Every structure is written in structure tokens, then in C-alpha cells.
Amino acid sequence: MLMLKETFQDYSKMKIRVLAKEELKISQWSGGETRQVFLSPAHGVYEIGKFDYRLSSATVELKESIFSELTDYHRLIMSLDNEIRLKHESPEGIQELTLPPFQAHAFSGDDQTTSYGQCTDFNLIYKPMYKGSMKALNKAEQETLDTGVTIIYCLADVAIDLKKNKELIKSYQLEKYSSLILEDMTDEYQLEFNSQESFQPIVICSKIQ
């Protein structure tokens, strides 16, 4: 499949960028490996107070993992393969839950959070001034774009059609682990996804407004 390196398209004021999987920053943490998909601002660093929002995917190889505390940030997490259990401890009490694959869960970065179970997860961390969302989409599903930033992370080789009022504007062929980043869009635009994979979600759609 054709790999598109990072490029920009400009339709009026909107910005569209393709981020190849080779461009993801990979780092190690105590329980596995992390791929950083997106960090804002671009010159920021992944430290408390030094970034606005961050999107990443990590392997969790330990049966029990303690999350880093991220005071004054909101968090969303999703497992991309296996069921996991989470325990949040805060001044309000203890919350425990089971999280099935491809279901997003929101919690506070202030919480002391422990996860139980091995998986590959997907994470969105953002300051309270933003509104964040995350969902898994299947083959042939459509997504209407919003203002702000939309990031499509591919779990397989995916064909993505950008449409305006149902008319095709441009098609993208993305490889597994690559991303399509769209900024300053309006609700006149839609994305449609297709892939040879048919047994599970093929992309994760994250939005920051």
C-alpha cells in the first residue's frame, strides 16, 4: 500500500496532515512501549504543565501497572485488544471497573490509577480548557467533522474518503499505525472508512475542541 509522508492540503482555512507510522516518537516506560501520535503544542514536552494535549498508544506488558499522576489534566483511555480492570483512588473514594476493548473511559489525571491486565491501550490527555472525545469506528462507518482537531489513528490499512455534502473531495490510503490529522474543519465535511479488515474496528477517532 502507498505510504504518504507528512503532507499538507489546504481547503479554504482547514489543514490536513498525514503522519506516517515511521514518524511516531517511540519511548519506553516501566511496563512496555509508547508511541506518541500527537502532542500540542508541537514544541511542548510530555511533562505536567508543558503540553496542552497528547495522544498516544502504549503496550502494557505488566499484569499490574500504576499510572503516572497528571494533576490538572483530563484523561481518556481505551484498550485496543484485551479487557482490563481499572481502580481510581481520589479524595471522593475508590472507583473500580472493568473496561472491555474499544470502549473509551474518562477519568481525572489527579486520581491514583492502577490497571490490571495486559493490553495495548490508546490514551488522550488534555487540559480542562479543552473538550476531548475518543471512539472506535468500523468499516464503512462515517464520521462528521467538528471544529478543532480530529485525529484518525489507523488500526489496519485503511482507505479514507473526505467528503463535503456527500461529494468526494479527496481519498487517502493509510497504512496501519499511521494517522490523518484534520484541523479547522466544519460540519459540512465527513470521513468514510474502508478496509479489507472486517472483524474489528479499523480506526480510532479522537477529537479535541
N, C-alpha and C. Protein backbone atom coordinates (compact mmCIF):
# COMPACT_ATOMS: atom_id res chain seq x y z
N MET A 1 0.84 -1.19 0.00
CA MET A 1 0.00 0.00 0.00
C MET A 1 0.88 1.24 0.00
N LEU A 2 0.46 2.26 -0.71
CA LEU A 2 1.21 3.51 -0.79
C LEU A 2 1.30 4.16 0.57
N MET A 3 2.52 4.56 0.95
CA MET A 3 2.71 5.28 2.21
C MET A 3 2.86 6.76 1.89
N LEU A 4 2.01 7.57 2.49
CA LEU A 4 2.07 9.00 2.30
C LEU A 4 2.86 9.62 3.44
N LYS A 5 3.93 10.33 3.11
CA LYS A 5 4.68 11.04 4.12
C LYS A 5 3.90 12.27 4.54
N GLU A 6 4.38 12.97 5.55
CA GLU A 6 3.64 14.09 6.12
C GLU A 6 3.47 15.18 5.07
N THR A 7 2.24 15.49 4.70
CA THR A 7 1.95 16.50 3.70
C THR A 7 0.80 17.35 4.18
N PHE A 8 0.63 18.52 3.57
CA PHE A 8 -0.45 19.42 3.95
C PHE A 8 -1.34 19.70 2.74
N GLN A 9 -2.64 19.74 2.96
CA GLN A 9 -3.59 20.17 1.96
C GLN A 9 -4.37 21.33 2.57
N ASP A 10 -4.76 22.30 1.75
CA ASP A 10 -5.46 23.47 2.26
C ASP A 10 -6.74 23.67 1.47
N TYR A 11 -7.89 23.36 2.09
CA TYR A 11 -9.18 23.63 1.50
C TYR A 11 -9.77 24.78 2.31
N SER A 12 -9.74 26.00 1.74
CA SER A 12 -10.09 27.23 2.45
C SER A 12 -9.15 27.38 3.64
N LYS A 13 -9.66 27.31 4.87
CA LYS A 13 -8.83 27.53 6.05
C LYS A 13 -8.43 26.24 6.76
N MET A 14 -8.92 25.11 6.31
CA MET A 14 -8.66 23.87 7.04
C MET A 14 -7.28 23.31 6.68
N LYS A 15 -6.73 22.53 7.62
CA LYS A 15 -5.43 21.92 7.43
C LYS A 15 -5.58 20.41 7.56
N ILE A 16 -4.95 19.69 6.64
CA ILE A 16 -5.00 18.23 6.65
C ILE A 16 -3.57 17.71 6.55
N ARG A 17 -3.24 16.79 7.44
CA ARG A 17 -1.87 16.28 7.50
C ARG A 17 -1.90 14.77 7.63
N VAL A 18 -1.05 14.09 6.89
CA VAL A 18 -0.87 12.64 7.02
C VAL A 18 0.43 12.39 7.77
N LEU A 19 0.34 11.63 8.85
CA LEU A 19 1.51 11.32 9.66
C LEU A 19 1.82 9.84 9.51
N ALA A 20 2.95 9.54 8.87
CA ALA A 20 3.34 8.15 8.64
C ALA A 20 3.75 7.48 9.95
N LYS A 21 3.60 6.16 10.01
CA LYS A 21 3.92 5.44 11.25
C LYS A 21 5.38 5.59 11.62
N GLU A 22 6.27 5.77 10.61
CA GLU A 22 7.69 5.92 10.91
C GLU A 22 8.00 7.22 11.65
N GLU A 23 7.07 8.17 11.61
CA GLU A 23 7.30 9.47 12.23
C GLU A 23 6.87 9.51 13.70
N LEU A 24 6.23 8.46 14.18
CA LEU A 24 5.79 8.45 15.57
C LEU A 24 7.00 8.33 16.50
N LYS A 25 6.97 9.10 17.58
CA LYS A 25 8.04 9.03 18.57
C LYS A 25 7.79 7.83 19.49
N ILE A 26 8.76 6.94 19.58
CA ILE A 26 8.63 5.73 20.40
C ILE A 26 9.53 5.85 21.62
N SER A 27 8.97 5.56 22.78
CA SER A 27 9.74 5.61 24.02
C SER A 27 9.37 4.40 24.88
N GLN A 28 10.21 4.12 25.85
CA GLN A 28 9.98 3.01 26.77
C GLN A 28 9.46 3.55 28.10
N TRP A 29 8.54 2.81 28.70
CA TRP A 29 8.13 3.10 30.07
C TRP A 29 8.28 1.80 30.87
N SER A 30 8.03 1.85 32.16
CA SER A 30 8.33 0.70 33.02
C SER A 30 7.54 -0.54 32.65
N GLY A 31 6.40 -0.36 31.95
CA GLY A 31 5.56 -1.51 31.63
C GLY A 31 5.48 -1.86 30.16
N GLY A 32 6.29 -1.20 29.30
CA GLY A 32 6.22 -1.51 27.89
C GLY A 32 6.73 -0.38 27.01
N GLU A 33 6.06 -0.17 25.87
CA GLU A 33 6.50 0.79 24.87
C GLU A 33 5.36 1.75 24.53
N THR A 34 5.68 3.01 24.30
CA THR A 34 4.68 4.03 23.98
C THR A 34 4.97 4.64 22.61
N ARG A 35 3.93 4.75 21.78
CA ARG A 35 4.00 5.50 20.53
C ARG A 35 3.27 6.82 20.73
N GLN A 36 3.97 7.94 20.61
CA GLN A 36 3.32 9.24 20.70
C GLN A 36 2.76 9.61 19.34
N VAL A 37 1.44 9.73 19.25
CA VAL A 37 0.78 10.04 17.99
C VAL A 37 0.74 11.54 17.74
N PHE A 38 0.46 12.32 18.79
CA PHE A 38 0.30 13.77 18.61
C PHE A 38 0.54 14.47 19.94
N LEU A 39 1.24 15.60 19.88
CA LEU A 39 1.46 16.42 21.06
C LEU A 39 1.26 17.88 20.67
N SER A 40 0.50 18.61 21.47
CA SER A 40 0.28 20.03 21.23
C SER A 40 0.62 20.82 22.49
N PRO A 41 1.35 21.94 22.34
CA PRO A 41 1.91 22.45 21.07
C PRO A 41 3.07 21.58 20.60
N ALA A 42 3.45 21.77 19.34
CA ALA A 42 4.49 20.93 18.75
C ALA A 42 5.81 21.06 19.48
N HIS A 43 6.07 22.22 20.08
CA HIS A 43 7.33 22.43 20.80
C HIS A 43 7.21 22.04 22.28
N GLY A 44 6.05 21.52 22.69
CA GLY A 44 5.86 21.12 24.08
C GLY A 44 6.60 19.83 24.40
N VAL A 45 6.59 19.48 25.67
CA VAL A 45 7.16 18.22 26.13
C VAL A 45 6.16 17.54 27.06
N TYR A 46 6.27 16.22 27.15
CA TYR A 46 5.32 15.46 27.96
C TYR A 46 5.70 15.54 29.44
N GLU A 47 5.42 16.70 30.01
CA GLU A 47 5.59 16.95 31.44
C GLU A 47 4.43 17.83 31.89
N ILE A 48 4.02 17.68 33.15
CA ILE A 48 2.87 18.42 33.66
C ILE A 48 3.07 19.92 33.42
N GLY A 49 2.07 20.54 32.81
CA GLY A 49 2.10 21.97 32.55
C GLY A 49 2.84 22.38 31.30
N LYS A 50 3.50 21.43 30.61
CA LYS A 50 4.30 21.79 29.45
C LYS A 50 3.70 21.31 28.13
N PHE A 51 2.46 20.84 28.18
CA PHE A 51 1.74 20.47 26.95
C PHE A 51 0.26 20.70 27.18
N ASP A 52 -0.49 20.88 26.08
CA ASP A 52 -1.93 21.10 26.15
C ASP A 52 -2.70 19.79 26.03
N TYR A 53 -2.33 18.98 25.04
CA TYR A 53 -2.95 17.66 24.91
C TYR A 53 -2.00 16.71 24.20
N ARG A 54 -2.21 15.42 24.47
CA ARG A 54 -1.32 14.38 23.93
C ARG A 54 -2.14 13.14 23.61
N LEU A 55 -1.84 12.54 22.46
CA LEU A 55 -2.47 11.31 22.03
C LEU A 55 -1.38 10.27 21.85
N SER A 56 -1.59 9.08 22.43
CA SER A 56 -0.55 8.05 22.36
C SER A 56 -1.16 6.66 22.47
N SER A 57 -0.35 5.67 22.10
CA SER A 57 -0.72 4.27 22.26
C SER A 57 0.43 3.56 22.95
N ALA A 58 0.10 2.70 23.91
CA ALA A 58 1.15 2.04 24.69
C ALA A 58 0.85 0.55 24.85
N THR A 59 1.91 -0.24 24.86
CA THR A 59 1.77 -1.64 25.24
C THR A 59 1.91 -1.74 26.75
N VAL A 60 1.04 -2.54 27.36
CA VAL A 60 1.08 -2.77 28.81
C VAL A 60 1.42 -4.24 29.01
N GLU A 61 2.67 -4.50 29.38
CA GLU A 61 3.15 -5.88 29.48
C GLU A 61 3.11 -6.42 30.90
N LEU A 62 2.85 -5.55 31.86
CA LEU A 62 2.76 -5.97 33.26
C LEU A 62 1.32 -6.32 33.61
N LYS A 63 1.15 -7.26 34.53
CA LYS A 63 -0.20 -7.62 34.96
C LYS A 63 -0.82 -6.55 35.84
N GLU A 64 0.02 -5.73 36.47
CA GLU A 64 -0.46 -4.62 37.29
C GLU A 64 0.41 -3.40 37.02
N SER A 65 -0.22 -2.28 36.69
CA SER A 65 0.52 -1.06 36.36
C SER A 65 -0.08 0.13 37.09
N ILE A 66 0.78 1.00 37.60
CA ILE A 66 0.33 2.24 38.25
C ILE A 66 0.56 3.39 37.29
N PHE A 67 -0.50 4.14 37.00
CA PHE A 67 -0.40 5.26 36.07
C PHE A 67 0.32 6.44 36.72
N SER A 68 1.03 7.20 35.90
CA SER A 68 1.61 8.45 36.37
C SER A 68 0.49 9.43 36.69
N GLU A 69 0.63 10.15 37.80
CA GLU A 69 -0.37 11.18 38.12
C GLU A 69 -0.13 12.39 37.24
N LEU A 70 -1.21 12.91 36.67
CA LEU A 70 -1.14 14.08 35.79
C LEU A 70 -2.13 15.12 36.32
N THR A 71 -1.68 15.83 37.35
CA THR A 71 -2.53 16.82 38.01
C THR A 71 -2.99 17.89 37.02
N ASP A 72 -4.27 18.23 37.11
CA ASP A 72 -4.88 19.28 36.28
C ASP A 72 -5.02 18.88 34.82
N TYR A 73 -5.10 17.58 34.55
CA TYR A 73 -5.40 17.10 33.20
C TYR A 73 -6.58 16.14 33.26
N HIS A 74 -7.34 16.08 32.16
CA HIS A 74 -8.36 15.05 31.98
C HIS A 74 -7.75 13.93 31.13
N ARG A 75 -8.29 12.70 31.31
CA ARG A 75 -7.75 11.57 30.58
C ARG A 75 -8.86 10.71 29.99
N LEU A 76 -8.58 10.14 28.82
CA LEU A 76 -9.42 9.12 28.20
C LEU A 76 -8.53 7.94 27.86
N ILE A 77 -9.01 6.73 28.15
CA ILE A 77 -8.25 5.53 27.84
C ILE A 77 -9.16 4.52 27.16
N MET A 78 -8.56 3.72 26.26
CA MET A 78 -9.28 2.66 25.56
C MET A 78 -8.31 1.50 25.34
N SER A 79 -8.74 0.29 25.63
CA SER A 79 -7.95 -0.89 25.30
C SER A 79 -8.24 -1.28 23.85
N LEU A 80 -7.18 -1.61 23.11
CA LEU A 80 -7.34 -1.98 21.71
C LEU A 80 -7.39 -3.49 21.49
N ASP A 81 -7.30 -4.26 22.57
CA ASP A 81 -7.34 -5.71 22.37
C ASP A 81 -8.00 -6.46 23.54
N ASN A 82 -7.44 -6.36 24.74
CA ASN A 82 -7.92 -7.19 25.84
C ASN A 82 -8.71 -6.39 26.87
N GLU A 83 -9.57 -7.09 27.58
CA GLU A 83 -10.29 -6.48 28.70
C GLU A 83 -9.30 -6.16 29.83
N ILE A 84 -9.47 -5.01 30.47
CA ILE A 84 -8.63 -4.65 31.61
C ILE A 84 -9.52 -4.18 32.75
N ARG A 85 -8.95 -4.16 33.96
CA ARG A 85 -9.64 -3.61 35.12
C ARG A 85 -8.90 -2.36 35.58
N LEU A 86 -9.65 -1.37 36.02
CA LEU A 86 -9.07 -0.11 36.48
C LEU A 86 -9.56 0.19 37.89
N LYS A 87 -8.67 0.77 38.68
CA LYS A 87 -9.04 1.25 40.01
C LYS A 87 -8.56 2.68 40.16
N HIS A 88 -9.50 3.60 40.44
CA HIS A 88 -9.19 5.00 40.65
C HIS A 88 -9.36 5.34 42.13
N GLU A 89 -8.35 5.94 42.71
CA GLU A 89 -8.42 6.39 44.10
C GLU A 89 -8.31 7.91 44.14
N SER A 90 -9.27 8.55 44.80
CA SER A 90 -9.31 10.00 44.89
C SER A 90 -9.87 10.38 46.25
N PRO A 91 -9.84 11.68 46.63
CA PRO A 91 -10.44 12.09 47.90
C PRO A 91 -11.92 11.74 48.01
N GLU A 92 -12.59 11.57 46.87
CA GLU A 92 -14.02 11.22 46.88
C GLU A 92 -14.26 9.74 47.12
N GLY A 93 -13.20 8.93 47.02
CA GLY A 93 -13.37 7.50 47.25
C GLY A 93 -12.65 6.66 46.21
N ILE A 94 -13.03 5.39 46.13
CA ILE A 94 -12.41 4.43 45.21
C ILE A 94 -13.43 3.99 44.18
N GLN A 95 -13.05 4.02 42.91
CA GLN A 95 -13.89 3.52 41.83
C GLN A 95 -13.17 2.38 41.14
N GLU A 96 -13.85 1.26 40.97
CA GLU A 96 -13.29 0.12 40.26
C GLU A 96 -14.23 -0.27 39.12
N LEU A 97 -13.65 -0.64 37.99
CA LEU A 97 -14.47 -1.01 36.84
C LEU A 97 -13.71 -1.93 35.92
N THR A 98 -14.46 -2.64 35.09
CA THR A 98 -13.90 -3.48 34.04
C THR A 98 -14.13 -2.78 32.71
N LEU A 99 -13.07 -2.66 31.92
CA LEU A 99 -13.15 -1.93 30.65
C LEU A 99 -12.96 -2.90 29.49
N PRO A 100 -14.01 -3.14 28.70
CA PRO A 100 -13.87 -4.03 27.55
C PRO A 100 -13.12 -3.34 26.41
N PRO A 101 -12.62 -4.10 25.45
CA PRO A 101 -11.89 -3.49 24.33
C PRO A 101 -12.76 -2.51 23.55
N PHE A 102 -12.13 -1.44 23.09
CA PHE A 102 -12.72 -0.43 22.21
C PHE A 102 -13.80 0.41 22.87
N GLN A 103 -13.82 0.43 24.19
CA GLN A 103 -14.72 1.32 24.91
C GLN A 103 -13.90 2.39 25.62
N ALA A 104 -14.22 3.66 25.38
CA ALA A 104 -13.47 4.76 25.99
C ALA A 104 -13.94 4.99 27.42
N HIS A 105 -12.98 5.31 28.28
CA HIS A 105 -13.28 5.60 29.68
C HIS A 105 -12.59 6.90 30.08
N ALA A 106 -13.35 7.82 30.68
CA ALA A 106 -12.83 9.12 31.10
C ALA A 106 -12.55 9.12 32.60
N PHE A 107 -11.43 9.75 32.99
CA PHE A 107 -11.11 9.87 34.41
C PHE A 107 -10.17 11.05 34.60
N SER A 108 -9.95 11.42 35.85
CA SER A 108 -9.12 12.57 36.17
C SER A 108 -7.66 12.17 36.28
N GLY A 109 -6.79 13.03 35.75
CA GLY A 109 -5.36 12.80 35.91
C GLY A 109 -4.89 12.96 37.34
N ASP A 110 -5.74 13.57 38.19
CA ASP A 110 -5.42 13.71 39.61
C ASP A 110 -5.53 12.39 40.37
N ASP A 111 -6.32 11.45 39.83
CA ASP A 111 -6.55 10.18 40.52
C ASP A 111 -5.28 9.34 40.57
N GLN A 112 -5.17 8.55 41.62
CA GLN A 112 -4.16 7.49 41.64
C GLN A 112 -4.81 6.28 40.99
N THR A 113 -4.32 5.92 39.81
CA THR A 113 -4.98 4.90 39.00
C THR A 113 -4.07 3.69 38.81
N THR A 114 -4.66 2.51 39.01
CA THR A 114 -3.97 1.24 38.80
C THR A 114 -4.74 0.44 37.77
N SER A 115 -4.03 -0.17 36.82
CA SER A 115 -4.68 -1.04 35.84
C SER A 115 -4.22 -2.47 36.07
N TYR A 116 -5.13 -3.41 35.78
CA TYR A 116 -4.85 -4.83 35.95
C TYR A 116 -5.14 -5.53 34.63
N GLY A 117 -4.12 -6.18 34.07
CA GLY A 117 -4.29 -6.87 32.81
C GLY A 117 -3.35 -6.32 31.75
N GLN A 118 -2.98 -7.18 30.82
CA GLN A 118 -2.07 -6.80 29.74
C GLN A 118 -2.87 -6.42 28.50
N CYS A 119 -2.42 -5.37 27.82
CA CYS A 119 -3.15 -4.91 26.65
C CYS A 119 -2.29 -3.92 25.86
N THR A 120 -2.82 -3.49 24.74
CA THR A 120 -2.34 -2.29 24.06
C THR A 120 -3.42 -1.24 24.24
N ASP A 121 -3.06 -0.10 24.80
CA ASP A 121 -4.09 0.91 25.06
C ASP A 121 -3.90 2.14 24.20
N PHE A 122 -4.90 3.01 24.23
CA PHE A 122 -4.89 4.27 23.49
C PHE A 122 -5.31 5.35 24.46
N ASN A 123 -4.58 6.47 24.47
CA ASN A 123 -4.76 7.47 25.51
C ASN A 123 -4.85 8.88 24.95
N LEU A 124 -5.79 9.64 25.46
CA LEU A 124 -5.87 11.08 25.20
C LEU A 124 -5.81 11.80 26.53
N ILE A 125 -4.85 12.72 26.65
CA ILE A 125 -4.65 13.51 27.87
C ILE A 125 -4.77 14.97 27.47
N TYR A 126 -5.58 15.75 28.20
CA TYR A 126 -5.80 17.13 27.77
C TYR A 126 -6.13 18.02 28.96
N LYS A 127 -5.80 19.30 28.82
CA LYS A 127 -6.11 20.28 29.86
C LYS A 127 -7.61 20.53 29.92
N PRO A 128 -8.13 20.96 31.09
CA PRO A 128 -9.57 21.17 31.24
C PRO A 128 -10.15 22.24 30.32
N MET A 129 -9.32 23.10 29.76
CA MET A 129 -9.81 24.13 28.85
C MET A 129 -10.33 23.53 27.54
N TYR A 130 -10.01 22.25 27.29
CA TYR A 130 -10.44 21.57 26.07
C TYR A 130 -11.55 20.57 26.37
N LYS A 131 -12.21 20.14 25.32
CA LYS A 131 -13.17 19.04 25.38
C LYS A 131 -12.64 17.92 24.51
N GLY A 132 -12.47 16.73 25.07
CA GLY A 132 -11.91 15.62 24.32
C GLY A 132 -12.90 14.47 24.17
N SER A 133 -12.75 13.72 23.09
CA SER A 133 -13.57 12.53 22.87
C SER A 133 -12.76 11.50 22.09
N MET A 134 -13.19 10.25 22.18
CA MET A 134 -12.49 9.16 21.52
C MET A 134 -13.48 8.03 21.25
N LYS A 135 -13.45 7.48 20.04
CA LYS A 135 -14.31 6.33 19.75
C LYS A 135 -13.70 5.49 18.64
N ALA A 136 -14.05 4.20 18.65
CA ALA A 136 -13.61 3.26 17.63
C ALA A 136 -14.66 3.19 16.53
N LEU A 137 -14.19 3.13 15.28
CA LEU A 137 -15.10 3.08 14.13
C LEU A 137 -14.80 1.87 13.27
N ASN A 138 -15.86 1.28 12.74
CA ASN A 138 -15.75 0.09 11.92
C ASN A 138 -15.74 0.42 10.43
N LYS A 139 -15.51 -0.60 9.65
CA LYS A 139 -15.53 -0.49 8.20
C LYS A 139 -16.86 0.09 7.72
N ALA A 140 -16.79 1.01 6.76
CA ALA A 140 -17.94 1.64 6.10
C ALA A 140 -18.68 2.65 6.98
N GLU A 141 -18.19 2.89 8.20
CA GLU A 141 -18.81 3.92 9.02
C GLU A 141 -18.37 5.31 8.56
N GLN A 142 -19.18 6.31 8.89
CA GLN A 142 -18.87 7.69 8.57
C GLN A 142 -18.74 8.50 9.84
N GLU A 143 -17.96 9.57 9.77
CA GLU A 143 -17.79 10.48 10.90
C GLU A 143 -17.89 11.91 10.40
N THR A 144 -18.77 12.69 11.01
CA THR A 144 -18.89 14.11 10.68
C THR A 144 -17.85 14.89 11.46
N LEU A 145 -17.15 15.78 10.78
CA LEU A 145 -16.07 16.52 11.41
C LEU A 145 -16.60 17.72 12.19
N ASP A 146 -15.82 18.13 13.18
CA ASP A 146 -16.16 19.27 14.02
C ASP A 146 -15.04 20.30 13.93
N THR A 147 -15.31 21.49 14.48
CA THR A 147 -14.24 22.46 14.63
C THR A 147 -13.23 21.91 15.63
N GLY A 148 -12.04 22.44 15.63
CA GLY A 148 -11.00 21.90 16.48
C GLY A 148 -10.14 20.93 15.71
N VAL A 149 -9.63 19.91 16.40
CA VAL A 149 -8.71 18.95 15.79
C VAL A 149 -9.33 17.55 15.83
N THR A 150 -9.30 16.86 14.70
CA THR A 150 -9.72 15.46 14.62
C THR A 150 -8.51 14.64 14.19
N ILE A 151 -8.24 13.57 14.93
CA ILE A 151 -7.10 12.70 14.62
C ILE A 151 -7.61 11.28 14.41
N ILE A 152 -7.35 10.74 13.23
CA ILE A 152 -7.74 9.38 12.89
C ILE A 152 -6.51 8.50 12.96
N TYR A 153 -6.52 7.53 13.87
CA TYR A 153 -5.40 6.60 14.04
C TYR A 153 -5.81 5.25 13.48
N CYS A 154 -5.01 4.72 12.55
CA CYS A 154 -5.40 3.51 11.83
C CYS A 154 -4.92 2.25 12.54
N LEU A 155 -5.84 1.32 12.73
CA LEU A 155 -5.52 0.02 13.32
C LEU A 155 -5.29 -1.04 12.25
N ALA A 156 -5.46 -0.66 10.99
CA ALA A 156 -5.25 -1.53 9.84
C ALA A 156 -4.92 -0.63 8.65
N ASP A 157 -4.62 -1.22 7.50
CA ASP A 157 -4.51 -0.43 6.28
C ASP A 157 -5.91 0.06 5.92
N VAL A 158 -6.07 1.37 5.76
CA VAL A 158 -7.41 1.95 5.64
C VAL A 158 -7.47 2.93 4.48
N ALA A 159 -8.57 2.89 3.74
CA ALA A 159 -8.89 3.91 2.74
C ALA A 159 -9.85 4.91 3.38
N ILE A 160 -9.51 6.19 3.33
CA ILE A 160 -10.33 7.22 3.94
C ILE A 160 -10.77 8.21 2.87
N ASP A 161 -12.07 8.41 2.74
CA ASP A 161 -12.62 9.38 1.80
C ASP A 161 -13.08 10.61 2.55
N LEU A 162 -12.58 11.77 2.13
CA LEU A 162 -13.05 13.05 2.66
C LEU A 162 -14.14 13.56 1.74
N LYS A 163 -15.32 13.82 2.32
CA LYS A 163 -16.46 14.25 1.52
C LYS A 163 -17.03 15.55 2.05
N LYS A 164 -17.65 16.30 1.16
CA LYS A 164 -18.37 17.51 1.54
C LYS A 164 -19.77 17.41 0.95
N ASN A 165 -20.76 17.40 1.83
CA ASN A 165 -22.15 17.22 1.39
C ASN A 165 -22.29 16.00 0.48
N LYS A 166 -21.61 14.91 0.89
CA LYS A 166 -21.65 13.61 0.23
C LYS A 166 -20.86 13.54 -1.07
N GLU A 167 -20.21 14.63 -1.48
CA GLU A 167 -19.38 14.62 -2.68
C GLU A 167 -17.92 14.39 -2.29
N LEU A 168 -17.24 13.51 -3.02
CA LEU A 168 -15.86 13.17 -2.71
C LEU A 168 -14.94 14.35 -2.99
N ILE A 169 -14.13 14.70 -1.98
CA ILE A 169 -13.14 15.77 -2.12
C ILE A 169 -11.76 15.18 -2.36
N LYS A 170 -11.38 14.19 -1.55
CA LYS A 170 -10.06 13.57 -1.68
C LYS A 170 -10.07 12.22 -0.98
N SER A 171 -9.27 11.29 -1.51
CA SER A 171 -9.11 9.97 -0.90
C SER A 171 -7.68 9.82 -0.38
N TYR A 172 -7.57 9.12 0.75
CA TYR A 172 -6.27 8.85 1.36
C TYR A 172 -6.13 7.36 1.58
N GLN A 173 -4.93 6.82 1.30
CA GLN A 173 -4.62 5.43 1.59
C GLN A 173 -3.58 5.42 2.71
N LEU A 174 -3.98 4.97 3.88
CA LEU A 174 -3.10 5.00 5.04
C LEU A 174 -2.75 3.59 5.51
N GLU A 175 -1.51 3.43 5.93
CA GLU A 175 -1.06 2.16 6.48
C GLU A 175 -1.40 2.06 7.97
N LYS A 176 -1.38 0.85 8.47
CA LYS A 176 -1.58 0.59 9.89
C LYS A 176 -0.61 1.43 10.72
N TYR A 177 -1.12 2.04 11.77
CA TYR A 177 -0.39 2.88 12.73
C TYR A 177 -0.07 4.28 12.19
N SER A 178 -0.53 4.62 11.00
CA SER A 178 -0.40 5.99 10.53
C SER A 178 -1.65 6.77 10.92
N SER A 179 -1.59 8.10 10.75
CA SER A 179 -2.69 8.95 11.23
C SER A 179 -3.04 10.02 10.20
N LEU A 180 -4.30 10.42 10.22
CA LEU A 180 -4.79 11.55 9.44
C LEU A 180 -5.21 12.62 10.44
N ILE A 181 -4.62 13.81 10.33
CA ILE A 181 -4.88 14.90 11.27
C ILE A 181 -5.58 16.03 10.53
N LEU A 182 -6.74 16.42 11.02
CA LEU A 182 -7.55 17.45 10.36
C LEU A 182 -7.83 18.58 11.35
N GLU A 183 -7.56 19.81 10.93
CA GLU A 183 -7.75 20.96 11.79
C GLU A 183 -8.62 22.01 11.10
N ASP A 184 -9.37 22.75 11.93
CA ASP A 184 -10.18 23.88 11.45
C ASP A 184 -11.21 23.44 10.41
N MET A 185 -11.85 22.29 10.65
CA MET A 185 -12.88 21.80 9.75
C MET A 185 -14.25 22.35 10.15
N THR A 186 -15.25 22.06 9.33
CA THR A 186 -16.63 22.40 9.66
C THR A 186 -17.48 21.15 9.51
N ASP A 187 -18.73 21.23 9.97
CA ASP A 187 -19.60 20.05 9.91
C ASP A 187 -20.13 19.77 8.51
N GLU A 188 -19.65 20.52 7.52
CA GLU A 188 -20.01 20.19 6.14
C GLU A 188 -19.21 19.00 5.61
N TYR A 189 -18.16 18.64 6.34
CA TYR A 189 -17.26 17.59 5.87
C TYR A 189 -17.49 16.29 6.64
N GLN A 190 -17.33 15.19 5.91
CA GLN A 190 -17.47 13.87 6.51
C GLN A 190 -16.28 13.00 6.09
N LEU A 191 -15.99 12.01 6.92
CA LEU A 191 -15.00 10.99 6.60
C LEU A 191 -15.69 9.64 6.49
N GLU A 192 -15.27 8.86 5.51
CA GLU A 192 -15.79 7.49 5.35
C GLU A 192 -14.60 6.55 5.31
N PHE A 193 -14.72 5.40 5.99
CA PHE A 193 -13.59 4.50 6.18
C PHE A 193 -13.88 3.13 5.56
N ASN A 194 -12.86 2.58 4.88
CA ASN A 194 -12.98 1.24 4.34
C ASN A 194 -11.65 0.51 4.46
N SER A 195 -11.74 -0.81 4.60
CA SER A 195 -10.55 -1.63 4.77
C SER A 195 -10.88 -3.07 4.42
N GLN A 196 -9.86 -3.85 4.13
CA GLN A 196 -10.07 -5.28 3.93
C GLN A 196 -10.34 -5.99 5.25
N GLU A 197 -9.95 -5.36 6.36
CA GLU A 197 -10.27 -5.91 7.67
C GLU A 197 -11.76 -5.70 7.95
N SER A 198 -12.41 -6.72 8.49
CA SER A 198 -13.84 -6.61 8.72
C SER A 198 -14.28 -7.14 10.08
N PHE A 199 -13.32 -7.61 10.90
CA PHE A 199 -13.71 -8.29 12.13
C PHE A 199 -13.56 -7.42 13.37
N GLN A 200 -13.10 -6.20 13.23
CA GLN A 200 -12.93 -5.33 14.39
C GLN A 200 -12.89 -3.88 13.92
N PRO A 201 -12.97 -2.91 14.86
CA PRO A 201 -12.80 -1.51 14.45
C PRO A 201 -11.48 -1.31 13.71
N ILE A 202 -11.50 -0.40 12.74
CA ILE A 202 -10.31 -0.19 11.91
C ILE A 202 -9.62 1.14 12.19
N VAL A 203 -10.32 2.08 12.85
CA VAL A 203 -9.69 3.35 13.21
C VAL A 203 -10.18 3.79 14.58
N ILE A 204 -9.36 4.63 15.23
CA ILE A 204 -9.78 5.34 16.43
C ILE A 204 -9.88 6.82 16.07
N CYS A 205 -11.04 7.40 16.32
CA CYS A 205 -11.28 8.80 16.02
C CYS A 205 -11.24 9.60 17.32
N SER A 206 -10.28 10.50 17.43
CA SER A 206 -10.15 11.35 18.62
C SER A 206 -10.37 12.80 18.21
N LYS A 207 -11.08 13.54 19.07
CA LYS A 207 -11.37 14.94 18.79
C LYS A 207 -11.01 15.80 19.99
N ILE A 208 -10.43 16.96 19.70
CA ILE A 208 -10.10 17.93 20.73
C ILE A 208 -10.65 19.28 20.29
N GLN A 209 -11.49 19.88 21.13
CA GLN A 209 -12.09 21.17 20.80
C GLN A 209 -11.82 22.18 21.90
